[in-house]
Full PDB file with SEQRES, HELIX, SHEET, SSBOND, CRYST1, ORIGX, SCALE, CONECT and MASTER records, all heavy atoms in Angstrom:
SEQRES   1 A   41  LYS ALA LEU ASP PHE LEU THR GLU ASP GLU ASP GLU LEU          
SEQRES   2 A   41  TRP VAL ALA HIS ILE VAL PHE ASP GLY GLN ALA LYS GLU          
SEQRES   3 A   41  THR GLY LYS ILE GLN LYS ILE MET LYS GLN ASP CYS GLY          
SEQRES   4 A   41  ASN SER                                                      
HELIX    1 AA1 ALA A    2  LEU A    6  1                                   5    
HELIX    2 AA2 GLU A   10  ASP A   21  1                                  12    
HELIX    3 AA3 THR A   27  CYS A   38  1                                  12    
CRYST1    1.000    1.000    1.000  90.00  90.00  90.00 P 1           1          
ORIGX1      1.000000  0.000000  0.000000        0.00000                         
ORIGX2      0.000000  1.000000  0.000000        0.00000                         
ORIGX3      0.000000  0.000000  1.000000        0.00000                         
SCALE1      1.000000  0.000000  0.000000        0.00000                         
SCALE2      0.000000  1.000000  0.000000        0.00000                         
SCALE3      0.000000  0.000000  1.000000        0.00000                         
ATOM      1  N   LYS A   1      85.024 -60.058  81.908  1.00  0.00           N  
ATOM      2  CA  LYS A   1      84.038 -59.329  81.108  1.00  0.00           C  
ATOM      3  C   LYS A   1      84.474 -59.280  79.639  1.00  0.00           C  
ATOM      4  O   LYS A   1      83.641 -59.425  78.739  1.00  0.00           O  
ATOM      5  CB  LYS A   1      83.842 -57.916  81.645  1.00  0.00           C  
ATOM      6  CG  LYS A   1      83.033 -57.860  82.926  1.00  0.00           C  
ATOM      7  CD  LYS A   1      82.951 -56.469  83.492  1.00  0.00           C  
ATOM      8  CE  LYS A   1      82.003 -55.611  82.687  1.00  0.00           C  
ATOM      9  NZ  LYS A   1      81.758 -54.304  83.327  1.00  0.00           N  
ATOM     10  N   ALA A   2      85.773 -59.088  79.396  1.00  0.00           N  
ATOM     11  CA  ALA A   2      86.276 -59.060  78.020  1.00  0.00           C  
ATOM     12  C   ALA A   2      86.119 -60.432  77.364  1.00  0.00           C  
ATOM     13  O   ALA A   2      85.709 -60.529  76.206  1.00  0.00           O  
ATOM     14  CB  ALA A   2      87.740 -58.616  78.000  1.00  0.00           C  
ATOM     15  N   LEU A   3      86.430 -61.493  78.106  1.00  0.00           N  
ATOM     16  CA  LEU A   3      86.261 -62.839  77.567  1.00  0.00           C  
ATOM     17  C   LEU A   3      84.791 -63.123  77.281  1.00  0.00           C  
ATOM     18  O   LEU A   3      84.461 -63.764  76.281  1.00  0.00           O  
ATOM     19  CB  LEU A   3      86.820 -63.893  78.531  1.00  0.00           C  
ATOM     20  CG  LEU A   3      88.333 -64.002  78.609  1.00  0.00           C  
ATOM     21  CD1 LEU A   3      88.733 -64.962  79.721  1.00  0.00           C  
ATOM     22  CD2 LEU A   3      88.914 -64.441  77.282  1.00  0.00           C  
ATOM     23  N   ASP A   4      83.920 -62.655  78.142  1.00  0.00           N  
ATOM     24  CA  ASP A   4      82.487 -62.841  77.934  1.00  0.00           C  
ATOM     25  C   ASP A   4      82.044 -62.171  76.631  1.00  0.00           C  
ATOM     26  O   ASP A   4      81.228 -62.711  75.887  1.00  0.00           O  
ATOM     27  CB  ASP A   4      81.711 -62.281  79.122  1.00  0.00           C  
ATOM     28  CG  ASP A   4      80.238 -62.624  79.085  1.00  0.00           C  
ATOM     29  OD1 ASP A   4      79.874 -63.678  78.519  1.00  0.00           O  
ATOM     30  OD2 ASP A   4      79.436 -61.845  79.623  1.00  0.00           O  
ATOM     31  N   PHE A   5      82.609 -61.024  76.337  1.00  0.00           N  
ATOM     32  CA  PHE A   5      82.285 -60.304  75.109  1.00  0.00           C  
ATOM     33  C   PHE A   5      82.828 -61.036  73.876  1.00  0.00           C  
ATOM     34  O   PHE A   5      82.175 -61.085  72.838  1.00  0.00           O  
ATOM     35  CB  PHE A   5      82.847 -58.880  75.165  1.00  0.00           C  
ATOM     36  CG  PHE A   5      82.509 -58.051  73.969  1.00  0.00           C  
ATOM     37  CD1 PHE A   5      81.286 -57.406  73.878  1.00  0.00           C  
ATOM     38  CD2 PHE A   5      83.404 -57.924  72.924  1.00  0.00           C  
ATOM     39  CE1 PHE A   5      80.961 -56.648  72.755  1.00  0.00           C  
ATOM     40  CE2 PHE A   5      83.092 -57.171  71.803  1.00  0.00           C  
ATOM     41  CZ  PHE A   5      81.875 -56.534  71.722  1.00  0.00           C  
ATOM     42  N   LEU A   6      84.042 -61.610  73.988  1.00  0.00           N  
ATOM     43  CA  LEU A   6      84.717 -62.220  72.844  1.00  0.00           C  
ATOM     44  C   LEU A   6      84.244 -63.637  72.523  1.00  0.00           C  
ATOM     45  O   LEU A   6      84.424 -64.100  71.401  1.00  0.00           O  
ATOM     46  CB  LEU A   6      86.235 -62.249  73.087  1.00  0.00           C  
ATOM     47  CG  LEU A   6      86.925 -60.888  73.149  1.00  0.00           C  
ATOM     48  CD1 LEU A   6      88.354 -61.042  73.637  1.00  0.00           C  
ATOM     49  CD2 LEU A   6      86.893 -60.216  71.779  1.00  0.00           C  
ATOM     50  N   THR A   7      83.664 -64.317  73.491  1.00  0.00           N  
ATOM     51  CA  THR A   7      83.234 -65.701  73.271  1.00  0.00           C  
ATOM     52  C   THR A   7      81.746 -65.753  72.926  1.00  0.00           C  
ATOM     53  O   THR A   7      80.998 -64.832  73.244  1.00  0.00           O  
ATOM     54  CB  THR A   7      83.520 -66.564  74.520  1.00  0.00           C  
ATOM     55  OG1 THR A   7      82.892 -65.974  75.657  1.00  0.00           O  
ATOM     56  CG2 THR A   7      85.021 -66.681  74.766  1.00  0.00           C  
ATOM     57  N   GLU A   8      81.349 -66.862  72.294  1.00  0.00           N  
ATOM     58  CA  GLU A   8      79.973 -66.973  71.816  1.00  0.00           C  
ATOM     59  C   GLU A   8      79.049 -67.754  72.742  1.00  0.00           C  
ATOM     60  O   GLU A   8      77.849 -67.601  72.659  1.00  0.00           O  
ATOM     61  CB  GLU A   8      79.962 -67.620  70.431  1.00  0.00           C  
ATOM     62  CG  GLU A   8      80.568 -66.731  69.377  1.00  0.00           C  
ATOM     63  CD  GLU A   8      80.531 -67.359  68.004  1.00  0.00           C  
ATOM     64  OE1 GLU A   8      79.729 -68.289  67.777  1.00  0.00           O  
ATOM     65  OE2 GLU A   8      81.314 -66.924  67.156  1.00  0.00           O  
ATOM     66  N   ASP A   9      79.592 -68.639  73.566  1.00  0.00           N  
ATOM     67  CA  ASP A   9      78.732 -69.430  74.444  1.00  0.00           C  
ATOM     68  C   ASP A   9      79.454 -69.721  75.760  1.00  0.00           C  
ATOM     69  O   ASP A   9      80.619 -69.363  75.925  1.00  0.00           O  
ATOM     70  CB  ASP A   9      78.279 -70.731  73.765  1.00  0.00           C  
ATOM     71  CG  ASP A   9      79.435 -71.630  73.341  1.00  0.00           C  
ATOM     72  OD1 ASP A   9      80.466 -71.694  74.047  1.00  0.00           O  
ATOM     73  OD2 ASP A   9      79.303 -72.303  72.304  1.00  0.00           O  
ATOM     74  N   GLU A  10      78.735 -70.332  76.673  1.00  0.00           N  
ATOM     75  CA  GLU A  10      79.306 -70.592  78.003  1.00  0.00           C  
ATOM     76  C   GLU A  10      80.508 -71.520  77.954  1.00  0.00           C  
ATOM     77  O   GLU A  10      81.459 -71.329  78.705  1.00  0.00           O  
ATOM     78  CB  GLU A  10      78.240 -71.166  78.935  1.00  0.00           C  
ATOM     79  CG  GLU A  10      77.375 -70.113  79.556  1.00  0.00           C  
ATOM     80  CD  GLU A  10      76.557 -70.656  80.711  1.00  0.00           C  
ATOM     81  OE1 GLU A  10      76.961 -71.637  81.344  1.00  0.00           O  
ATOM     82  OE2 GLU A  10      75.498 -70.060  80.971  1.00  0.00           O  
ATOM     83  N   ASP A  11      80.475 -72.536  77.094  1.00  0.00           N  
ATOM     84  CA  ASP A  11      81.609 -73.448  77.000  1.00  0.00           C  
ATOM     85  C   ASP A  11      82.879 -72.706  76.591  1.00  0.00           C  
ATOM     86  O   ASP A  11      83.941 -72.892  77.180  1.00  0.00           O  
ATOM     87  CB  ASP A  11      81.327 -74.588  76.027  1.00  0.00           C  
ATOM     88  CG  ASP A  11      80.283 -75.561  76.540  1.00  0.00           C  
ATOM     89  OD1 ASP A  11      79.989 -75.530  77.755  1.00  0.00           O  
ATOM     90  OD2 ASP A  11      79.764 -76.357  75.730  1.00  0.00           O  
ATOM     91  N   GLU A  12      82.765 -71.858  75.579  1.00  0.00           N  
ATOM     92  CA  GLU A  12      83.922 -71.067  75.155  1.00  0.00           C  
ATOM     93  C   GLU A  12      84.394 -70.157  76.280  1.00  0.00           C  
ATOM     94  O   GLU A  12      85.604 -70.034  76.522  1.00  0.00           O  
ATOM     95  CB  GLU A  12      83.588 -70.227  73.920  1.00  0.00           C  
ATOM     96  CG  GLU A  12      83.530 -71.004  72.635  1.00  0.00           C  
ATOM     97  CD  GLU A  12      83.364 -70.112  71.419  1.00  0.00           C  
ATOM     98  OE1 GLU A  12      83.446 -68.866  71.534  1.00  0.00           O  
ATOM     99  OE2 GLU A  12      83.144 -70.661  70.327  1.00  0.00           O  
ATOM    100  N   LEU A  13      83.454 -69.520  76.952  1.00  0.00           N  
ATOM    101  CA  LEU A  13      83.812 -68.612  78.042  1.00  0.00           C  
ATOM    102  C   LEU A  13      84.579 -69.347  79.131  1.00  0.00           C  
ATOM    103  O   LEU A  13      85.629 -68.892  79.577  1.00  0.00           O  
ATOM    104  CB  LEU A  13      82.560 -67.957  78.622  1.00  0.00           C  
ATOM    105  CG  LEU A  13      82.760 -67.090  79.869  1.00  0.00           C  
ATOM    106  CD1 LEU A  13      83.683 -65.910  79.564  1.00  0.00           C  
ATOM    107  CD2 LEU A  13      81.420 -66.610  80.388  1.00  0.00           C  
ATOM    108  N   TRP A  14      84.074 -70.501  79.562  1.00  0.00           N  
ATOM    109  CA  TRP A  14      84.718 -71.206  80.667  1.00  0.00           C  
ATOM    110  C   TRP A  14      86.047 -71.818  80.281  1.00  0.00           C  
ATOM    111  O   TRP A  14      87.003 -71.787  81.059  1.00  0.00           O  
ATOM    112  CB  TRP A  14      83.771 -72.233  81.274  1.00  0.00           C  
ATOM    113  CG  TRP A  14      82.671 -71.553  82.015  1.00  0.00           C  
ATOM    114  CD1 TRP A  14      81.360 -71.504  81.687  1.00  0.00           C  
ATOM    115  CD2 TRP A  14      82.810 -70.740  83.193  1.00  0.00           C  
ATOM    116  NE1 TRP A  14      80.664 -70.723  82.583  1.00  0.00           N  
ATOM    117  CE2 TRP A  14      81.535 -70.241  83.522  1.00  0.00           C  
ATOM    118  CE3 TRP A  14      83.885 -70.382  84.001  1.00  0.00           C  
ATOM    119  CZ2 TRP A  14      81.303 -69.417  84.618  1.00  0.00           C  
ATOM    120  CZ3 TRP A  14      83.652 -69.557  85.087  1.00  0.00           C  
ATOM    121  CH2 TRP A  14      82.383 -69.089  85.386  1.00  0.00           C  
ATOM    122  N   VAL A  15      86.156 -72.362  79.063  1.00  0.00           N  
ATOM    123  CA  VAL A  15      87.447 -72.912  78.622  1.00  0.00           C  
ATOM    124  C   VAL A  15      88.470 -71.782  78.513  1.00  0.00           C  
ATOM    125  O   VAL A  15      89.609 -71.909  78.977  1.00  0.00           O  
ATOM    126  CB  VAL A  15      87.310 -73.685  77.295  1.00  0.00           C  
ATOM    127  CG1 VAL A  15      88.676 -74.040  76.723  1.00  0.00           C  
ATOM    128  CG2 VAL A  15      86.483 -74.958  77.504  1.00  0.00           C  
ATOM    129  N   ALA A  16      88.075 -70.649  77.925  1.00  0.00           N  
ATOM    130  CA  ALA A  16      88.990 -69.506  77.836  1.00  0.00           C  
ATOM    131  C   ALA A  16      89.396 -69.033  79.226  1.00  0.00           C  
ATOM    132  O   ALA A  16      90.575 -68.734  79.473  1.00  0.00           O  
ATOM    133  CB  ALA A  16      88.339 -68.365  77.056  1.00  0.00           C  
ATOM    134  N   HIS A  17      88.450 -68.979  80.138  1.00  0.00           N  
ATOM    135  CA  HIS A  17      88.746 -68.541  81.500  1.00  0.00           C  
ATOM    136  C   HIS A  17      89.727 -69.490  82.180  1.00  0.00           C  
ATOM    137  O   HIS A  17      90.636 -69.048  82.890  1.00  0.00           O  
ATOM    138  CB  HIS A  17      87.450 -68.424  82.309  1.00  0.00           C  
ATOM    139  CG  HIS A  17      87.639 -67.772  83.632  1.00  0.00           C  
ATOM    140  ND1 HIS A  17      87.788 -68.493  84.788  1.00  0.00           N  
ATOM    141  CD2 HIS A  17      87.737 -66.465  83.983  1.00  0.00           C  
ATOM    142  CE1 HIS A  17      87.961 -67.654  85.798  1.00  0.00           C  
ATOM    143  NE2 HIS A  17      87.924 -66.424  85.334  1.00  0.00           N  
ATOM    144  N   ILE A  18      89.576 -70.780  81.974  1.00  0.00           N  
ATOM    145  CA  ILE A  18      90.496 -71.772  82.547  1.00  0.00           C  
ATOM    146  C   ILE A  18      91.917 -71.501  82.064  1.00  0.00           C  
ATOM    147  O   ILE A  18      92.873 -71.512  82.844  1.00  0.00           O  
ATOM    148  CB  ILE A  18      90.057 -73.206  82.195  1.00  0.00           C  
ATOM    149  CG1 ILE A  18      88.788 -73.581  82.974  1.00  0.00           C  
ATOM    150  CG2 ILE A  18      91.170 -74.217  82.461  1.00  0.00           C  
ATOM    151  CD1 ILE A  18      88.110 -74.842  82.483  1.00  0.00           C  
ATOM    152  N   VAL A  19      92.071 -71.235  80.762  1.00  0.00           N  
ATOM    153  CA  VAL A  19      93.401 -70.977  80.189  1.00  0.00           C  
ATOM    154  C   VAL A  19      93.941 -69.635  80.671  1.00  0.00           C  
ATOM    155  O   VAL A  19      95.091 -69.544  81.128  1.00  0.00           O  
ATOM    156  CB  VAL A  19      93.364 -71.041  78.645  1.00  0.00           C  
ATOM    157  CG1 VAL A  19      94.706 -70.621  78.053  1.00  0.00           C  
ATOM    158  CG2 VAL A  19      92.982 -72.444  78.173  1.00  0.00           C  
ATOM    159  N   PHE A  20      93.143 -68.573  80.615  1.00  0.00           N  
ATOM    160  CA  PHE A  20      93.607 -67.241  81.009  1.00  0.00           C  
ATOM    161  C   PHE A  20      93.918 -67.162  82.495  1.00  0.00           C  
ATOM    162  O   PHE A  20      94.843 -66.477  82.905  1.00  0.00           O  
ATOM    163  CB  PHE A  20      92.579 -66.164  80.629  1.00  0.00           C  
ATOM    164  CG  PHE A  20      92.732 -65.664  79.227  1.00  0.00           C  
ATOM    165  CD1 PHE A  20      92.171 -66.362  78.176  1.00  0.00           C  
ATOM    166  CD2 PHE A  20      93.435 -64.508  78.952  1.00  0.00           C  
ATOM    167  CE1 PHE A  20      92.306 -65.914  76.876  1.00  0.00           C  
ATOM    168  CE2 PHE A  20      93.578 -64.047  77.665  1.00  0.00           C  
ATOM    169  CZ  PHE A  20      93.013 -64.750  76.616  1.00  0.00           C  
ATOM    170  N   ASP A  21      93.135 -67.862  83.299  1.00  0.00           N  
ATOM    171  CA  ASP A  21      93.325 -67.843  84.746  1.00  0.00           C  
ATOM    172  C   ASP A  21      94.504 -68.703  85.193  1.00  0.00           C  
ATOM    173  O   ASP A  21      94.925 -68.636  86.340  1.00  0.00           O  
ATOM    174  CB  ASP A  21      92.037 -68.307  85.427  1.00  0.00           C  
ATOM    175  CG  ASP A  21      91.958 -67.884  86.869  1.00  0.00           C  
ATOM    176  OD1 ASP A  21      92.482 -66.802  87.200  1.00  0.00           O  
ATOM    177  OD2 ASP A  21      91.380 -68.639  87.669  1.00  0.00           O  
ATOM    178  N   GLY A  22      95.020 -69.531  84.289  1.00  0.00           N  
ATOM    179  CA  GLY A  22      96.164 -70.381  84.617  1.00  0.00           C  
ATOM    180  C   GLY A  22      95.796 -71.655  85.365  1.00  0.00           C  
ATOM    181  O   GLY A  22      96.670 -72.346  85.877  1.00  0.00           O  
ATOM    182  N   GLN A  23      94.502 -71.978  85.432  1.00  0.00           N  
ATOM    183  CA  GLN A  23      94.086 -73.205  86.100  1.00  0.00           C  
ATOM    184  C   GLN A  23      94.637 -74.429  85.380  1.00  0.00           C  
ATOM    185  O   GLN A  23      94.971 -75.423  86.011  1.00  0.00           O  
ATOM    186  CB  GLN A  23      92.564 -73.309  86.157  1.00  0.00           C  
ATOM    187  CG  GLN A  23      91.917 -72.271  87.021  1.00  0.00           C  
ATOM    188  CD  GLN A  23      90.402 -72.414  86.959  1.00  0.00           C  
ATOM    189  OE1 GLN A  23      89.881 -73.503  86.951  1.00  0.00           O  
ATOM    190  NE2 GLN A  23      89.714 -71.290  86.913  1.00  0.00           N  
ATOM    191  N   ALA A  24      94.703 -74.354  84.055  1.00  0.00           N  
ATOM    192  CA  ALA A  24      95.224 -75.457  83.247  1.00  0.00           C  
ATOM    193  C   ALA A  24      95.667 -74.913  81.897  1.00  0.00           C  
ATOM    194  O   ALA A  24      95.080 -73.968  81.379  1.00  0.00           O  
ATOM    195  CB  ALA A  24      94.169 -76.532  83.058  1.00  0.00           C  
ATOM    196  N   LYS A  25      96.691 -75.518  81.346  1.00  0.00           N  
ATOM    197  CA  LYS A  25      97.201 -75.130  80.035  1.00  0.00           C  
ATOM    198  C   LYS A  25      97.177 -76.308  79.063  1.00  0.00           C  
ATOM    199  O   LYS A  25      97.205 -76.125  77.865  1.00  0.00           O  
ATOM    200  CB  LYS A  25      98.654 -74.625  80.133  1.00  0.00           C  
ATOM    201  CG  LYS A  25      98.860 -73.480  81.095  1.00  0.00           C  
ATOM    202  CD  LYS A  25      98.477 -72.174  80.513  1.00  0.00           C  
ATOM    203  CE  LYS A  25      98.836 -71.061  81.485  1.00  0.00           C  
ATOM    204  NZ  LYS A  25      98.416 -69.787  81.033  1.00  0.00           N  
ATOM    205  N   GLU A  26      97.158 -77.546  79.597  1.00  0.00           N  
ATOM    206  CA  GLU A  26      97.204 -78.744  78.772  1.00  0.00           C  
ATOM    207  C   GLU A  26      95.795 -79.252  78.492  1.00  0.00           C  
ATOM    208  O   GLU A  26      94.909 -79.177  79.349  1.00  0.00           O  
ATOM    209  CB  GLU A  26      98.013 -79.860  79.439  1.00  0.00           C  
ATOM    210  CG  GLU A  26      99.479 -79.541  79.634  1.00  0.00           C  
ATOM    211  CD  GLU A  26      99.761 -78.719  80.889  1.00  0.00           C  
ATOM    212  OE1 GLU A  26      98.904 -78.733  81.800  1.00  0.00           O  
ATOM    213  OE2 GLU A  26     100.799 -78.066  80.934  1.00  0.00           O  
ATOM    214  N   THR A  27      95.615 -79.810  77.297  1.00  0.00           N  
ATOM    215  CA  THR A  27      94.301 -80.301  76.876  1.00  0.00           C  
ATOM    216  C   THR A  27      93.679 -81.224  77.912  1.00  0.00           C  
ATOM    217  O   THR A  27      92.519 -81.051  78.294  1.00  0.00           O  
ATOM    218  CB  THR A  27      94.418 -81.046  75.527  1.00  0.00           C  
ATOM    219  OG1 THR A  27      94.978 -80.155  74.565  1.00  0.00           O  
ATOM    220  CG2 THR A  27      93.065 -81.523  75.039  1.00  0.00           C  
ATOM    221  N   GLY A  28      94.424 -82.208  78.386  1.00  0.00           N  
ATOM    222  CA  GLY A  28      93.887 -83.188  79.327  1.00  0.00           C  
ATOM    223  C   GLY A  28      93.385 -82.562  80.615  1.00  0.00           C  
ATOM    224  O   GLY A  28      92.320 -82.931  81.126  1.00  0.00           O  
ATOM    225  N   LYS A  29      94.125 -81.609  81.134  1.00  0.00           N  
ATOM    226  CA  LYS A  29      93.711 -80.941  82.378  1.00  0.00           C  
ATOM    227  C   LYS A  29      92.485 -80.061  82.149  1.00  0.00           C  
ATOM    228  O   LYS A  29      91.591 -80.004  82.988  1.00  0.00           O  
ATOM    229  CB  LYS A  29      94.866 -80.124  82.946  1.00  0.00           C  
ATOM    230  CG  LYS A  29      95.997 -80.982  83.481  1.00  0.00           C  
ATOM    231  CD  LYS A  29      97.123 -80.134  84.024  1.00  0.00           C  
ATOM    232  CE  LYS A  29      98.266 -81.023  84.501  1.00  0.00           C  
ATOM    233  NZ  LYS A  29      99.399 -80.232  84.966  1.00  0.00           N  
ATOM    234  N   ILE A  30      92.440 -79.378  81.009  1.00  0.00           N  
ATOM    235  CA  ILE A  30      91.277 -78.548  80.673  1.00  0.00           C  
ATOM    236  C   ILE A  30      90.044 -79.442  80.534  1.00  0.00           C  
ATOM    237  O   ILE A  30      88.975 -79.136  81.061  1.00  0.00           O  
ATOM    238  CB  ILE A  30      91.528 -77.746  79.375  1.00  0.00           C  
ATOM    239  CG1 ILE A  30      92.687 -76.756  79.573  1.00  0.00           C  
ATOM    240  CG2 ILE A  30      90.260 -77.009  78.934  1.00  0.00           C  
ATOM    241  CD1 ILE A  30      93.216 -76.154  78.280  1.00  0.00           C  
ATOM    242  N   GLN A  31      90.211 -80.563  79.849  1.00  0.00           N  
ATOM    243  CA  GLN A  31      89.104 -81.496  79.667  1.00  0.00           C  
ATOM    244  C   GLN A  31      88.605 -82.027  81.014  1.00  0.00           C  
ATOM    245  O   GLN A  31      87.406 -82.140  81.235  1.00  0.00           O  
ATOM    246  CB  GLN A  31      89.530 -82.662  78.772  1.00  0.00           C  
ATOM    247  CG  GLN A  31      89.717 -82.269  77.330  1.00  0.00           C  
ATOM    248  CD  GLN A  31      90.348 -83.365  76.499  1.00  0.00           C  
ATOM    249  OE1 GLN A  31      91.210 -84.105  76.970  1.00  0.00           O  
ATOM    250  NE2 GLN A  31      89.927 -83.463  75.243  1.00  0.00           N  
ATOM    251  N   LYS A  32      89.519 -82.342  81.889  1.00  0.00           N  
ATOM    252  CA  LYS A  32      89.146 -82.883  83.205  1.00  0.00           C  
ATOM    253  C   LYS A  32      88.345 -81.860  84.013  1.00  0.00           C  
ATOM    254  O   LYS A  32      87.318 -82.192  84.615  1.00  0.00           O  
ATOM    255  CB  LYS A  32      90.406 -83.294  83.973  1.00  0.00           C  
ATOM    256  CG  LYS A  32      90.118 -83.973  85.283  1.00  0.00           C  
ATOM    257  CD  LYS A  32      91.395 -84.453  85.941  1.00  0.00           C  
ATOM    258  CE  LYS A  32      91.081 -85.150  87.249  1.00  0.00           C  
ATOM    259  NZ  LYS A  32      92.293 -85.627  87.914  1.00  0.00           N  
ATOM    260  N   ILE A  33      88.794 -80.602  84.013  1.00  0.00           N  
ATOM    261  CA  ILE A  33      88.075 -79.540  84.732  1.00  0.00           C  
ATOM    262  C   ILE A  33      86.677 -79.368  84.155  1.00  0.00           C  
ATOM    263  O   ILE A  33      85.690 -79.295  84.886  1.00  0.00           O  
ATOM    264  CB  ILE A  33      88.859 -78.209  84.685  1.00  0.00           C  
ATOM    265  CG1 ILE A  33      90.134 -78.317  85.526  1.00  0.00           C  
ATOM    266  CG2 ILE A  33      87.989 -77.051  85.183  1.00  0.00           C  
ATOM    267  CD1 ILE A  33      91.093 -77.149  85.341  1.00  0.00           C  
ATOM    268  N   MET A  34      86.572 -79.304  82.834  1.00  0.00           N  
ATOM    269  CA  MET A  34      85.268 -79.101  82.203  1.00  0.00           C  
ATOM    270  C   MET A  34      84.345 -80.300  82.423  1.00  0.00           C  
ATOM    271  O   MET A  34      83.143 -80.127  82.577  1.00  0.00           O  
ATOM    272  CB  MET A  34      85.435 -78.817  80.703  1.00  0.00           C  
ATOM    273  CG  MET A  34      86.010 -77.443  80.402  1.00  0.00           C  
ATOM    274  SD  MET A  34      84.974 -76.073  80.977  1.00  0.00           S  
ATOM    275  CE  MET A  34      83.598 -76.183  79.845  1.00  0.00           C  
ATOM    276  N   LYS A  35      84.900 -81.502  82.452  1.00  0.00           N  
ATOM    277  CA  LYS A  35      84.093 -82.702  82.711  1.00  0.00           C  
ATOM    278  C   LYS A  35      83.539 -82.658  84.136  1.00  0.00           C  
ATOM    279  O   LYS A  35      82.355 -82.911  84.370  1.00  0.00           O  
ATOM    280  CB  LYS A  35      84.946 -83.961  82.497  1.00  0.00           C  
ATOM    281  CG  LYS A  35      84.242 -85.254  82.779  1.00  0.00           C  
ATOM    282  CD  LYS A  35      83.287 -85.585  81.670  1.00  0.00           C  
ATOM    283  CE  LYS A  35      82.712 -86.976  81.869  1.00  0.00           C  
ATOM    284  NZ  LYS A  35      81.635 -87.239  80.954  1.00  0.00           N  
ATOM    285  N   GLN A  36      84.398 -82.308  85.098  1.00  0.00           N  
ATOM    286  CA  GLN A  36      83.979 -82.257  86.503  1.00  0.00           C  
ATOM    287  C   GLN A  36      83.002 -81.117  86.770  1.00  0.00           C  
ATOM    288  O   GLN A  36      82.006 -81.291  87.460  1.00  0.00           O  
ATOM    289  CB  GLN A  36      85.191 -82.105  87.419  1.00  0.00           C  
ATOM    290  CG  GLN A  36      86.059 -83.323  87.482  1.00  0.00           C  
ATOM    291  CD  GLN A  36      87.348 -83.079  88.266  1.00  0.00           C  
ATOM    292  OE1 GLN A  36      87.728 -81.951  88.532  1.00  0.00           O  
ATOM    293  NE2 GLN A  36      88.034 -84.153  88.612  1.00  0.00           N  
ATOM    294  N   ASP A  37      83.280 -79.943  86.220  1.00  0.00           N  
ATOM    295  CA  ASP A  37      82.476 -78.755  86.525  1.00  0.00           C  
ATOM    296  C   ASP A  37      81.202 -78.640  85.689  1.00  0.00           C  
ATOM    297  O   ASP A  37      80.186 -78.159  86.180  1.00  0.00           O  
ATOM    298  CB  ASP A  37      83.303 -77.484  86.340  1.00  0.00           C  
ATOM    299  CG  ASP A  37      84.417 -77.345  87.359  1.00  0.00           C  
ATOM    300  OD1 ASP A  37      84.484 -78.171  88.288  1.00  0.00           O  
ATOM    301  OD2 ASP A  37      85.223 -76.407  87.228  1.00  0.00           O  
ATOM    302  N   CYS A  38      81.265 -79.049  84.430  1.00  0.00           N  
ATOM    303  CA  CYS A  38      80.142 -78.819  83.520  1.00  0.00           C  
ATOM    304  C   CYS A  38      79.587 -80.095  82.895  1.00  0.00           C  
ATOM    305  O   CYS A  38      78.573 -80.038  82.205  1.00  0.00           O  
ATOM    306  CB  CYS A  38      80.568 -77.875  82.400  1.00  0.00           C  
ATOM    307  SG  CYS A  38      81.238 -76.310  82.963  1.00  0.00           S  
ATOM    308  N   GLY A  39      80.286 -81.208  83.069  1.00  0.00           N  
ATOM    309  CA  GLY A  39      79.831 -82.460  82.473  1.00  0.00           C  
ATOM    310  C   GLY A  39      80.096 -82.560  80.980  1.00  0.00           C  
ATOM    311  O   GLY A  39      79.513 -83.404  80.299  1.00  0.00           O  
ATOM    312  N   ASN A  40      80.985 -81.717  80.440  1.00  0.00           N  
ATOM    313  CA  ASN A  40      81.278 -81.730  79.007  1.00  0.00           C  
ATOM    314  C   ASN A  40      82.126 -82.938  78.640  1.00  0.00           C  
ATOM    315  O   ASN A  40      83.035 -83.314  79.385  1.00  0.00           O  
ATOM    316  CB  ASN A  40      82.025 -80.457  78.592  1.00  0.00           C  
ATOM    317  CG  ASN A  40      81.164 -79.237  78.693  1.00  0.00           C  
ATOM    318  OD1 ASN A  40      80.277 -79.137  79.534  1.00  0.00           O  
ATOM    319  ND2 ASN A  40      81.428 -78.273  77.831  1.00  0.00           N  
ATOM    320  N   SER A  41      81.869 -83.493  77.471  1.00  0.00           N  
ATOM    321  CA  SER A  41      82.684 -84.609  76.983  1.00  0.00           C  
ATOM    322  C   SER A  41      84.053 -84.092  76.552  1.00  0.00           C  
ATOM    323  O   SER A  41      84.224 -82.906  76.266  1.00  0.00           O  
ATOM    324  CB  SER A  41      81.992 -85.288  75.799  1.00  0.00           C  
ATOM    325  OG  SER A  41      82.032 -84.449  74.658  1.00  0.00           O  
TER     326      SER A  41                                                      
MASTER        0    0    0    3    0    0    0    6  325    1    0    4          
END                                                                             
């Protein structure tokens, strides 16, 4: 909920959540998750 308040759009929210949740810390892993889950380049 705090991240939702601090971020401006869904992409920011999900990338921040990935980092805060510990799913990924490295750029490549974050990019891979976002590509698979959201189709982001």
